[in-house]
Amino acid sequence: MRIQIPEWSIRRQIMVCVIATLLIMGMALTITIVLNQKSLESIGSSYKTNAELTEISTNLAGTEKALESYMEYRTFESINSYYQFQSVSEAAIKNLQDEPSTNTIRQKEYIVRQMTESFFYYSGNAVIAQRANNTVEMEENYRKSLTCYTLLQSQIEELNILFMRANAESYAEHQRHYRLLTRISIVFIVSFFLLILLLLYMSVSIITRPLFDISSVALRVAGMDFDIPLFNSRAQNEIGNICRAFDRMIVSIREYIDKIWEKVARENEMKERELEMRELYANAQLRALQSQINPHFLFNTLNTGAQLAMIEGADKTCYFVEQVADFFRYNIQQKEQTASISEELALVDNFVYIMKVRFEDRFTFVKHIPEERTYTQRLPRMTLQPLVENCIKHGLKDTPGTITLSLREDASYIYLSIMDDGCGFPPDLRESVLSADTPAEGKGTGLINVISRLRIYFHADDVFDILPNKAGGTTFLIRIPHV
């Protein structure tokens, strides 16, 4: 059974519980006192009939003495006293049985009443005869009244004994009832007391249960356990306010922890991306050098060759060697993993010059780059050169063609495209490369390296795309967001 207590303040709820407890206890005590009082009244009334009969006997004795005094002295006081006692006695005997009965006590009451009336009859006649100075009639009635009085007193005594016996039995019965009522009262009071304790316990438990729940939740929160259900309390009292405040605190803590975890996850992801990018950049450098020769030794050797060519007057050879040295100088700058767009474009020019010397008229290189500004946006090093190299080695491997490098921009992106008009890009290879999945033949690993570094650096999957040209060939498109 769950008692629903109105949404009052804690103080009001406790006061209601205390007042209700006092009222119930008061009712129980009142009922017990009333029952005991009734029982005591019954015991007290057990000998009431004896007292009444004794009073009748006393009044009759007073009547007889007053009659005797009047008969002897004929005083006003004696006759007045006689009539007073007679009046009281006549009123008293009206409560006695007025008809014959089979019940011994009732029959005895009837005899007493009849004899009392006879006593009053003869005594009254004696008084009248005394007033009339009729001595003979007075003595006769007076003698008869004394005889009635003597018999009446013996009957009253017998009736008193009968009343005594009956009242003793009644008294014993009332005593048993009183003892039984006393035991019942004790059980009643104890039961009420236990009921009051139960109701008080249930009421206090209902009032304090939210406090116990809050205490348990607080201990769990103190133990760093935040996976706990919310109270969602609608009570408009102090407990409800505490529960709602606790819910807001738990939600705030959870949100704060989620933010911390998200921040840690992002930091870990950035660290992983940085490590992966470093690894990819190292691979790109190795692929660009395509040699196990120490790059510093190679760079110094090329510079020495350029100086010899200049001394001998071979300007073209000197310029070529300088371009190759610049190319290797760019690649051995390992401290920086990123470069500006303008630096990458300069490296492409350097690389294209070297390839033109090597392959002569195998390809034509065209640039559509606005020259009125410098592009400082950053991107991973060695991004554009591998794409141009891919166009030369694969796109134009069977026939001479044109490689076009273009740059355009809008409000959101800078678009770099490297396009050739060669044999095109196989669709299945395109899907493998864009999904960063190296094909079984091992083709496209350089492109995958470039794509992976771009996606890691810009945190976007659509930063790079491979598009077929309508007139044939392939376009590598890079979307660099404005920062």
Protein backbone atom coordinates (compact mmCIF):
# COMPACT_ATOMS: atom_id res chain seq x y z
CA MET A 1 0.00 0.00 0.00
CA ARG A 2 1.43 3.36 -1.05
CA ILE A 3 0.12 6.49 0.61
CA GLN A 4 -0.07 9.50 -1.66
CA ILE A 5 0.92 12.62 0.25
CA PRO A 6 0.03 15.99 -1.31
CA GLU A 7 2.92 17.99 -2.71
CA TRP A 8 3.39 20.15 0.36
CA SER A 9 6.59 21.41 1.91
CA ILE A 10 8.57 18.98 4.05
CA ARG A 11 7.71 20.95 7.20
CA ARG A 12 4.00 20.83 6.40
CA GLN A 13 4.08 17.12 5.64
CA ILE A 14 5.81 16.37 8.95
CA MET A 15 3.33 18.55 10.86
CA VAL A 16 0.41 16.77 9.19
CA CYS A 17 1.89 13.38 10.13
CA VAL A 18 2.40 14.47 13.77
CA ILE A 19 -1.09 15.99 14.09
CA ALA A 20 -2.72 12.94 12.49
CA THR A 21 -0.79 10.70 14.90
CA LEU A 22 -1.90 12.73 17.91
CA LEU A 23 -5.52 12.71 16.74
CA ILE A 24 -5.53 8.94 16.27
CA MET A 25 -3.93 8.42 19.68
CA GLY A 26 -6.44 10.80 21.26
CA MET A 27 -9.35 8.95 19.66
CA ALA A 28 -7.99 5.61 20.89
CA LEU A 29 -7.55 6.89 24.45
CA THR A 30 -11.00 8.54 24.43
CA ILE A 31 -12.69 5.32 23.29
CA THR A 32 -10.81 3.33 25.94
CA ILE A 33 -11.69 5.79 28.72
CA VAL A 34 -15.38 5.84 27.72
CA LEU A 35 -15.59 2.04 27.70
CA ASN A 36 -13.87 1.79 31.09
CA GLN A 37 -16.16 4.49 32.50
CA LYS A 38 -19.22 2.57 31.31
CA SER A 39 -17.88 -0.58 32.93
CA LEU A 40 -17.17 1.21 36.21
CA GLU A 41 -20.66 2.70 36.19
CA SER A 42 -22.10 -0.79 35.72
CA ILE A 43 -20.06 -2.06 38.69
CA GLY A 44 -21.09 0.92 40.78
CA SER A 45 -24.78 0.33 40.01
CA SER A 46 -24.59 -3.33 41.09
CA TYR A 47 -25.71 -2.54 44.70
CA LYS A 48 -27.96 0.36 43.79
CA THR A 49 -31.11 -1.65 44.61
CA ASN A 50 -29.77 -2.44 48.09
CA ALA A 51 -29.11 1.24 48.67
CA GLU A 52 -32.59 2.17 47.47
CA LEU A 53 -34.20 -0.52 49.61
CA THR A 54 -32.18 0.64 52.63
CA GLU A 55 -33.37 4.17 52.01
CA ILE A 56 -37.00 2.91 51.92
CA SER A 57 -36.48 1.08 55.20
CA THR A 58 -34.96 4.20 56.77
CA ASN A 59 -37.86 6.37 55.63
CA LEU A 60 -40.39 3.83 56.93
CA ALA A 61 -38.59 3.78 60.28
CA GLY A 62 -38.78 7.58 60.36
CA THR A 63 -42.49 7.38 59.53
CA GLU A 64 -43.04 4.89 62.34
CA LYS A 65 -41.17 7.04 64.91
CA ALA A 66 -43.05 10.16 63.83
CA LEU A 67 -46.35 8.24 64.17
CA GLU A 68 -45.36 6.98 67.59
CA SER A 69 -44.44 10.49 68.73
CA TYR A 70 -47.71 11.89 67.48
CA MET A 71 -49.68 9.13 69.16
CA GLU A 72 -47.97 9.94 72.46
CA TYR A 73 -47.55 13.73 72.40
CA ARG A 74 -49.78 14.99 69.57
CA THR A 75 -47.26 17.71 68.58
CA PHE A 76 -47.23 19.64 65.33
CA GLU A 77 -43.63 18.71 64.64
CA SER A 78 -44.38 14.99 64.93
CA ILE A 79 -47.34 15.05 62.58
CA ASN A 80 -45.41 17.22 60.07
CA SER A 81 -42.49 14.80 60.22
CA TYR A 82 -44.92 11.89 59.75
CA TYR A 83 -46.33 13.35 56.52
CA GLN A 84 -42.86 14.17 55.14
CA PHE A 85 -41.55 10.63 55.68
CA GLN A 86 -44.81 9.21 54.31
CA SER A 87 -44.52 11.31 51.15
CA VAL A 88 -40.90 10.26 50.54
CA SER A 89 -41.68 6.59 51.22
CA GLU A 90 -44.70 6.58 48.89
CA ALA A 91 -42.55 8.05 46.11
CA ALA A 92 -39.84 5.44 46.72
CA ILE A 93 -42.14 2.37 46.66
CA LYS A 94 -43.49 3.38 43.24
CA ASN A 95 -40.31 1.84 41.73
CA LEU A 96 -41.21 -1.57 43.28
CA GLN A 97 -43.18 -4.28 41.53
CA ASP A 98 -46.89 -3.43 41.50
CA GLU A 99 -48.25 -6.80 40.30
CA PRO A 100 -47.74 -10.41 41.40
CA SER A 101 -44.80 -12.17 39.63
CA THR A 102 -43.27 -15.64 39.39
CA ASN A 103 -39.87 -14.11 39.92
CA THR A 104 -38.88 -14.41 43.58
CA ILE A 105 -37.38 -10.94 43.83
CA ARG A 106 -40.17 -9.27 41.90
CA GLN A 107 -42.78 -11.09 44.02
CA LYS A 108 -41.00 -10.01 47.17
CA GLU A 109 -41.02 -6.42 45.91
CA TYR A 110 -44.76 -6.74 45.34
CA ILE A 111 -45.28 -7.98 48.95
CA VAL A 112 -43.17 -5.12 50.33
CA ARG A 113 -45.17 -2.62 48.30
CA GLN A 114 -48.51 -4.03 49.45
CA MET A 115 -47.47 -4.17 53.10
CA THR A 116 -46.11 -0.62 52.87
CA GLU A 117 -49.46 0.56 51.54
CA SER A 118 -51.22 -1.35 54.37
CA PHE A 119 -48.89 0.32 56.88
CA PHE A 120 -49.72 3.72 55.47
CA TYR A 121 -53.45 2.83 55.50
CA TYR A 122 -53.59 1.80 59.19
CA SER A 123 -51.23 4.56 60.29
CA GLY A 124 -53.28 7.11 58.45
CA ASN A 125 -56.48 5.86 60.14
CA ALA A 126 -54.75 6.02 63.52
CA VAL A 127 -53.78 9.66 62.90
CA ILE A 128 -57.35 10.53 61.89
CA ALA A 129 -58.76 8.76 65.00
CA GLN A 130 -56.23 10.58 67.21
CA ARG A 131 -57.33 13.91 65.81
CA ALA A 132 -60.95 12.93 66.49
CA ASN A 133 -60.08 11.85 70.04
CA ASN A 134 -61.41 8.39 69.23
CA THR A 135 -59.10 6.43 71.49
CA VAL A 136 -60.48 2.96 70.77
CA GLU A 137 -60.26 3.27 66.99
CA MET A 138 -56.90 5.00 67.28
CA GLU A 139 -55.42 2.21 69.40
CA GLU A 140 -56.81 -0.47 67.06
CA ASN A 141 -55.38 1.14 63.89
CA TYR A 142 -52.12 2.00 65.63
CA ARG A 143 -51.71 -1.62 66.78
CA LYS A 144 -52.40 -2.90 63.24
CA SER A 145 -49.92 -0.38 61.78
CA LEU A 146 -47.22 -1.58 64.18
CA THR A 147 -47.92 -5.18 63.19
CA CYS A 148 -47.66 -4.21 59.48
CA TYR A 149 -44.48 -2.29 60.16
CA THR A 150 -42.89 -5.25 61.96
CA LEU A 151 -43.81 -7.65 59.13
CA LEU A 152 -42.77 -5.01 56.55
CA GLN A 153 -39.31 -4.67 58.06
CA SER A 154 -38.83 -8.46 58.01
CA GLN A 155 -39.94 -8.53 54.34
CA ILE A 156 -37.62 -5.66 53.51
CA GLU A 157 -34.76 -7.52 55.17
CA GLU A 158 -35.53 -10.65 53.18
CA LEU A 159 -35.78 -8.59 49.98
CA ASN A 160 -32.50 -6.91 50.84
CA ILE A 161 -30.85 -10.33 51.20
CA LEU A 162 -32.26 -11.40 47.83
CA PHE A 163 -30.99 -8.14 46.28
CA MET A 164 -27.62 -8.72 47.93
CA ARG A 165 -27.27 -12.16 46.38
CA ALA A 166 -28.42 -11.01 42.95
CA ASN A 167 -26.25 -7.94 43.09
CA ALA A 168 -23.25 -10.01 44.20
CA GLU A 169 -23.67 -12.18 41.11
CA SER A 170 -24.14 -9.07 38.98
CA TYR A 171 -21.10 -7.50 40.60
CA ALA A 172 -19.00 -10.59 39.85
CA GLU A 173 -20.28 -10.57 36.26
CA HIS A 174 -19.45 -6.89 35.89
CA GLN A 175 -16.02 -7.62 37.39
CA ARG A 176 -15.41 -10.26 34.72
CA HIS A 177 -16.62 -7.87 32.06
CA TYR A 178 -14.36 -5.16 33.43
CA ARG A 179 -11.32 -7.42 33.42
CA LEU A 180 -12.17 -8.56 29.89
CA LEU A 181 -12.67 -4.95 28.83
CA THR A 182 -9.34 -4.05 30.44
CA ARG A 183 -7.55 -6.71 28.42
CA ILE A 184 -9.39 -5.66 25.28
CA SER A 185 -8.45 -2.06 26.00
CA ILE A 186 -4.79 -2.99 26.38
CA VAL A 187 -4.87 -4.94 23.11
CA PHE A 188 -6.76 -2.07 21.49
CA ILE A 189 -4.25 0.52 22.68
CA VAL A 190 -1.26 -1.62 21.67
CA SER A 191 -2.85 -2.28 18.26
CA PHE A 192 -3.55 1.40 17.77
CA PHE A 193 -0.02 2.23 18.86
CA LEU A 194 1.43 -0.25 16.37
CA LEU A 195 -0.90 1.06 13.66
CA ILE A 196 0.21 4.60 14.42
CA LEU A 197 3.86 3.52 14.27
CA LEU A 198 3.23 1.79 10.94
CA LEU A 199 1.44 4.79 9.46
CA LEU A 200 4.08 7.14 10.83
CA TYR A 201 6.86 4.95 9.42
CA MET A 202 5.19 4.76 6.01
CA SER A 203 4.56 8.49 5.95
CA VAL A 204 8.12 9.34 7.00
CA SER A 205 9.47 6.80 4.51
CA ILE A 206 7.49 8.41 1.69
CA ILE A 207 8.73 11.85 2.75
CA THR A 208 12.35 10.77 3.11
CA ARG A 209 12.59 8.19 0.29
CA PRO A 210 13.65 10.85 -2.26
CA LEU A 211 16.40 11.93 0.17
CA PHE A 212 17.62 8.33 0.36
CA ASP A 213 17.59 8.09 -3.44
CA ILE A 214 19.48 11.38 -3.71
CA SER A 215 22.02 10.13 -1.16
CA SER A 216 22.54 6.88 -3.11
CA VAL A 217 22.95 8.75 -6.40
CA ALA A 218 25.36 11.21 -4.76
CA LEU A 219 27.52 8.31 -3.54
CA ARG A 220 27.56 6.83 -7.07
CA VAL A 221 28.50 10.20 -8.54
CA ALA A 222 31.24 10.53 -5.91
CA GLY A 223 32.49 7.13 -7.10
CA MET A 224 32.74 8.52 -10.69
CA ASP A 225 29.66 6.55 -11.82
CA PHE A 226 27.61 8.86 -14.04
CA ASP A 227 25.57 6.13 -15.74
CA ILE A 228 22.58 6.71 -13.48
CA PRO A 229 18.91 7.36 -14.29
CA LEU A 230 17.52 10.83 -13.86
CA PHE A 231 14.88 11.54 -11.22
CA ASN A 232 12.48 13.44 -13.54
CA SER A 233 10.62 14.59 -10.43
CA ARG A 234 7.50 16.74 -10.81
CA ALA A 235 7.04 17.36 -7.08
CA GLN A 236 6.66 21.07 -6.32
CA ASN A 237 8.47 21.01 -2.97
CA GLU A 238 12.00 21.11 -1.59
CA ILE A 239 12.70 17.50 -2.60
CA GLY A 240 11.45 18.15 -6.14
CA ASN A 241 13.70 21.21 -6.44
CA ILE A 242 16.71 19.21 -5.23
CA CYS A 243 15.94 16.36 -7.67
CA ARG A 244 15.62 18.74 -10.62
CA ALA A 245 18.85 20.52 -9.65
CA PHE A 246 20.58 17.13 -9.34
CA ASP A 247 19.28 16.10 -12.79
CA ARG A 248 20.68 19.31 -14.31
CA MET A 249 24.01 18.68 -12.59
CA ILE A 250 24.18 15.08 -13.89
CA VAL A 251 23.29 16.20 -17.43
CA SER A 252 25.94 18.95 -17.28
CA ILE A 253 28.56 16.49 -16.04
CA ARG A 254 27.68 14.02 -18.80
CA GLU A 255 27.85 16.74 -21.45
CA TYR A 256 31.18 17.92 -20.07
CA ILE A 257 32.55 14.35 -20.08
CA ASP A 258 31.28 13.84 -23.64
CA LYS A 259 33.01 17.05 -24.70
CA ILE A 260 36.23 15.90 -23.04
CA TRP A 261 36.02 12.53 -24.77
CA GLU A 262 35.30 14.21 -28.10
CA LYS A 263 38.27 16.52 -27.57
CA VAL A 264 40.51 13.58 -26.65
CA ALA A 265 39.22 11.63 -29.66
CA ARG A 266 39.91 14.57 -31.96
CA GLU A 267 43.38 15.04 -30.52
CA ASN A 268 44.11 11.33 -30.92
CA GLU A 269 42.76 11.44 -34.45
CA MET A 270 44.92 14.45 -35.25
CA LYS A 271 47.97 12.72 -33.79
CA GLU A 272 47.23 9.61 -35.82
CA ARG A 273 46.71 11.70 -38.95
CA GLU A 274 49.95 13.55 -38.27
CA LEU A 275 51.86 10.29 -37.85
CA GLU A 276 50.24 8.84 -40.93
CA MET A 277 50.98 12.00 -42.89
CA ARG A 278 54.60 11.91 -41.81
CA GLU A 279 54.86 8.33 -42.97
CA LEU A 280 53.20 9.13 -46.27
CA TYR A 281 55.39 12.16 -46.74
CA ALA A 282 58.49 10.09 -46.11
CA ASN A 283 57.27 7.58 -48.71
CA ALA A 284 56.63 10.43 -51.13
CA GLN A 285 60.15 11.70 -50.66
CA LEU A 286 61.58 8.25 -51.27
CA ARG A 287 59.48 7.84 -54.42
CA ALA A 288 60.51 11.29 -55.61
CA LEU A 289 64.21 10.59 -55.13
CA GLN A 290 63.90 7.03 -56.53
CA SER A 291 67.34 6.26 -55.26
CA GLN A 292 69.13 5.08 -52.11
CA ILE A 293 71.82 7.71 -52.68
CA ASN A 294 72.27 10.16 -49.85
CA PRO A 295 70.28 13.26 -51.00
CA HIS A 296 72.80 15.69 -49.48
CA PHE A 297 75.65 13.99 -51.33
CA LEU A 298 73.63 14.06 -54.57
CA PHE A 299 72.68 17.71 -54.06
CA ASN A 300 76.34 18.73 -53.44
CA THR A 301 77.50 16.66 -56.43
CA LEU A 302 75.00 18.38 -58.72
CA ASN A 303 76.14 21.81 -57.52
CA THR A 304 79.76 20.82 -58.29
CA GLY A 305 78.69 19.69 -61.79
CA ALA A 306 76.89 22.99 -62.36
CA GLN A 307 80.03 24.93 -61.42
CA LEU A 308 82.18 22.83 -63.81
CA ALA A 309 79.69 23.36 -66.66
CA MET A 310 79.74 27.10 -66.01
CA ILE A 311 83.58 27.14 -66.05
CA GLU A 312 83.60 25.23 -69.37
CA GLY A 313 80.99 27.59 -70.90
CA ALA A 314 78.17 24.99 -71.15
CA ASP A 315 75.35 27.33 -70.08
CA LYS A 316 72.55 24.98 -71.01
CA THR A 317 74.10 22.13 -69.11
CA CYS A 318 74.76 24.43 -66.17
CA TYR A 319 71.11 25.55 -66.08
CA PHE A 320 69.90 21.95 -66.29
CA VAL A 321 72.13 20.84 -63.45
CA GLU A 322 70.97 23.82 -61.36
CA GLN A 323 67.33 22.88 -61.97
CA VAL A 324 68.01 19.30 -60.88
CA ALA A 325 69.82 20.57 -57.78
CA ASP A 326 66.89 22.87 -56.93
CA PHE A 327 64.54 19.90 -57.32
CA PHE A 328 66.51 17.83 -54.83
CA ARG A 329 66.96 20.79 -52.51
CA TYR A 330 63.16 21.08 -52.26
CA ASN A 331 62.83 17.39 -51.46
CA ILE A 332 65.43 17.27 -48.69
CA GLN A 333 63.64 19.98 -46.64
CA GLN A 334 62.17 17.47 -44.19
CA LYS A 335 61.40 19.90 -41.37
CA GLU A 336 58.38 21.25 -43.22
CA GLN A 337 55.70 18.77 -44.30
CA THR A 338 53.62 21.43 -46.01
CA ALA A 339 54.24 24.03 -48.67
CA SER A 340 52.37 26.91 -50.25
CA ILE A 341 50.65 26.56 -53.61
CA SER A 342 53.18 28.94 -55.14
CA GLU A 343 56.07 26.76 -53.88
CA GLU A 344 54.44 23.63 -55.34
CA LEU A 345 53.91 25.40 -58.68
CA ALA A 346 57.57 26.43 -58.75
CA LEU A 347 58.59 22.81 -58.11
CA VAL A 348 56.37 21.71 -61.03
CA ASP A 349 58.13 24.22 -63.30
CA ASN A 350 61.47 22.85 -62.14
CA PHE A 351 60.37 19.24 -62.69
CA VAL A 352 58.83 19.95 -66.13
CA TYR A 353 62.07 21.58 -67.33
CA ILE A 354 64.04 18.49 -66.28
CA MET A 355 61.52 16.19 -68.01
CA LYS A 356 61.56 18.34 -71.17
CA VAL A 357 65.32 17.99 -71.35
CA ARG A 358 64.99 14.26 -70.83
CA PHE A 359 62.05 13.49 -73.17
CA GLU A 360 62.44 16.48 -75.54
CA ASP A 361 59.21 16.73 -77.62
CA ARG A 362 57.25 13.93 -75.95
CA PHE A 363 54.83 16.40 -74.27
CA THR A 364 53.83 20.03 -74.22
CA PHE A 365 53.28 21.76 -70.89
CA VAL A 366 50.73 24.60 -70.61
CA LYS A 367 50.01 26.70 -67.51
CA HIS A 368 46.90 28.77 -66.80
CA ILE A 369 47.90 30.44 -63.56
CA PRO A 370 47.10 34.06 -62.69
CA GLU A 371 50.50 35.70 -62.26
CA GLU A 372 49.39 38.86 -60.47
CA ARG A 373 49.34 37.28 -57.00
CA THR A 374 51.08 34.78 -54.74
CA TYR A 375 49.12 31.82 -53.39
CA THR A 376 49.99 31.23 -49.76
CA GLN A 377 47.44 28.53 -49.02
CA ARG A 378 49.17 25.44 -47.60
CA LEU A 379 48.99 21.85 -48.79
CA PRO A 380 51.17 18.77 -48.28
CA ARG A 381 54.59 18.87 -49.94
CA MET A 382 55.14 16.86 -53.13
CA THR A 383 51.47 17.01 -54.17
CA LEU A 384 51.51 18.47 -57.67
CA GLN A 385 54.81 16.99 -58.96
CA PRO A 386 53.68 13.30 -58.63
CA LEU A 387 50.50 14.13 -60.59
CA VAL A 388 52.45 15.74 -63.42
CA GLU A 389 54.83 12.79 -63.36
CA ASN A 390 51.84 10.39 -63.59
CA CYS A 391 50.57 12.24 -66.67
CA ILE A 392 54.00 11.92 -68.37
CA LYS A 393 54.67 8.28 -67.43
CA HIS A 394 51.15 6.83 -67.89
CA GLY A 395 48.83 9.25 -69.66
CA LEU A 396 51.29 10.08 -72.49
CA LYS A 397 53.31 6.85 -72.52
CA ASP A 398 52.16 5.81 -76.02
CA THR A 399 51.74 9.10 -77.84
CA PRO A 400 52.91 12.71 -77.47
CA GLY A 401 50.39 15.08 -75.94
CA THR A 402 49.74 18.14 -73.83
CA ILE A 403 49.72 18.55 -70.07
CA THR A 404 47.74 21.54 -68.78
CA LEU A 405 48.04 22.93 -65.25
CA SER A 406 45.19 25.32 -64.32
CA LEU A 407 44.21 27.28 -61.23
CA ARG A 408 40.87 28.95 -60.59
CA GLU A 409 39.00 29.92 -57.45
CA ASP A 410 35.64 30.96 -56.08
CA ALA A 411 34.41 32.10 -52.67
CA SER A 412 34.86 28.65 -51.10
CA TYR A 413 37.65 26.80 -52.90
CA ILE A 414 40.83 27.05 -54.98
CA TYR A 415 40.67 24.50 -57.80
CA LEU A 416 43.96 23.04 -59.11
CA SER A 417 43.64 20.78 -62.16
CA ILE A 418 46.33 18.81 -63.99
CA MET A 419 45.01 17.50 -67.30
CA ASP A 420 46.46 15.41 -70.09
CA ASP A 421 45.00 14.33 -73.44
CA GLY A 422 46.50 10.87 -73.36
CA CYS A 423 45.10 7.34 -73.08
CA GLY A 424 42.79 8.01 -70.13
CA PHE A 425 42.39 6.42 -66.71
CA PRO A 426 40.91 2.89 -66.36
CA PRO A 427 37.59 3.07 -64.42
CA ASP A 428 38.37 0.08 -62.19
CA LEU A 429 41.76 1.56 -61.33
CA ARG A 430 40.10 4.91 -60.62
CA GLU A 431 37.72 3.29 -58.08
CA SER A 432 40.61 1.51 -56.36
CA VAL A 433 42.76 4.63 -56.19
CA LEU A 434 39.95 6.88 -54.87
CA SER A 435 39.08 4.30 -52.23
CA ALA A 436 42.78 4.28 -51.15
CA ASP A 437 42.95 0.55 -51.98
CA THR A 438 46.15 -0.45 -53.78
CA PRO A 439 45.33 -2.69 -56.79
CA ALA A 440 46.77 -6.16 -57.09
CA GLU A 441 49.14 -5.04 -59.85
CA GLY A 442 50.63 -2.44 -57.51
CA LYS A 443 49.64 0.45 -59.80
CA GLY A 444 48.53 3.80 -58.43
CA THR A 445 50.51 3.71 -55.19
CA GLY A 446 51.92 7.21 -55.83
CA LEU A 447 48.43 8.60 -56.43
CA ILE A 448 47.12 6.86 -53.32
CA ASN A 449 49.92 8.47 -51.33
CA VAL A 450 48.97 11.93 -52.65
CA ILE A 451 45.23 11.37 -52.09
CA SER A 452 45.73 10.05 -48.55
CA ARG A 453 47.90 12.98 -47.53
CA LEU A 454 45.44 15.49 -48.96
CA ARG A 455 42.47 13.88 -47.16
CA ILE A 456 44.36 13.71 -43.87
CA TYR A 457 45.55 17.30 -44.11
CA PHE A 458 42.20 18.87 -45.11
CA HIS A 459 39.97 16.40 -43.18
CA ALA A 460 37.79 15.89 -46.24
CA ASP A 461 37.20 13.03 -48.66
CA ASP A 462 36.18 15.21 -51.63
CA VAL A 463 39.46 17.15 -51.75
CA PHE A 464 40.67 15.07 -54.73
CA ASP A 465 38.97 13.60 -57.77
CA ILE A 466 39.89 11.87 -61.05
CA LEU A 467 37.77 12.95 -64.01
CA PRO A 468 37.74 11.73 -67.62
CA ASN A 469 38.03 14.35 -70.38
CA LYS A 470 35.46 14.46 -73.16
CA ALA A 471 38.17 14.62 -75.82
CA GLY A 472 40.20 11.88 -74.11
CA GLY A 473 42.71 11.83 -71.32
CA THR A 474 42.42 12.43 -67.59
CA THR A 475 42.06 15.39 -65.23
CA PHE A 476 43.32 15.34 -61.64
CA LEU A 477 41.26 17.89 -59.68
CA ILE A 478 42.25 19.23 -56.23
CA ARG A 479 39.79 21.32 -54.18
CA ILE A 480 41.59 23.42 -51.57
CA PRO A 481 39.20 25.21 -49.17
CA HIS A 482 39.79 28.85 -48.31
CA VAL A 483 40.93 29.22 -44.71
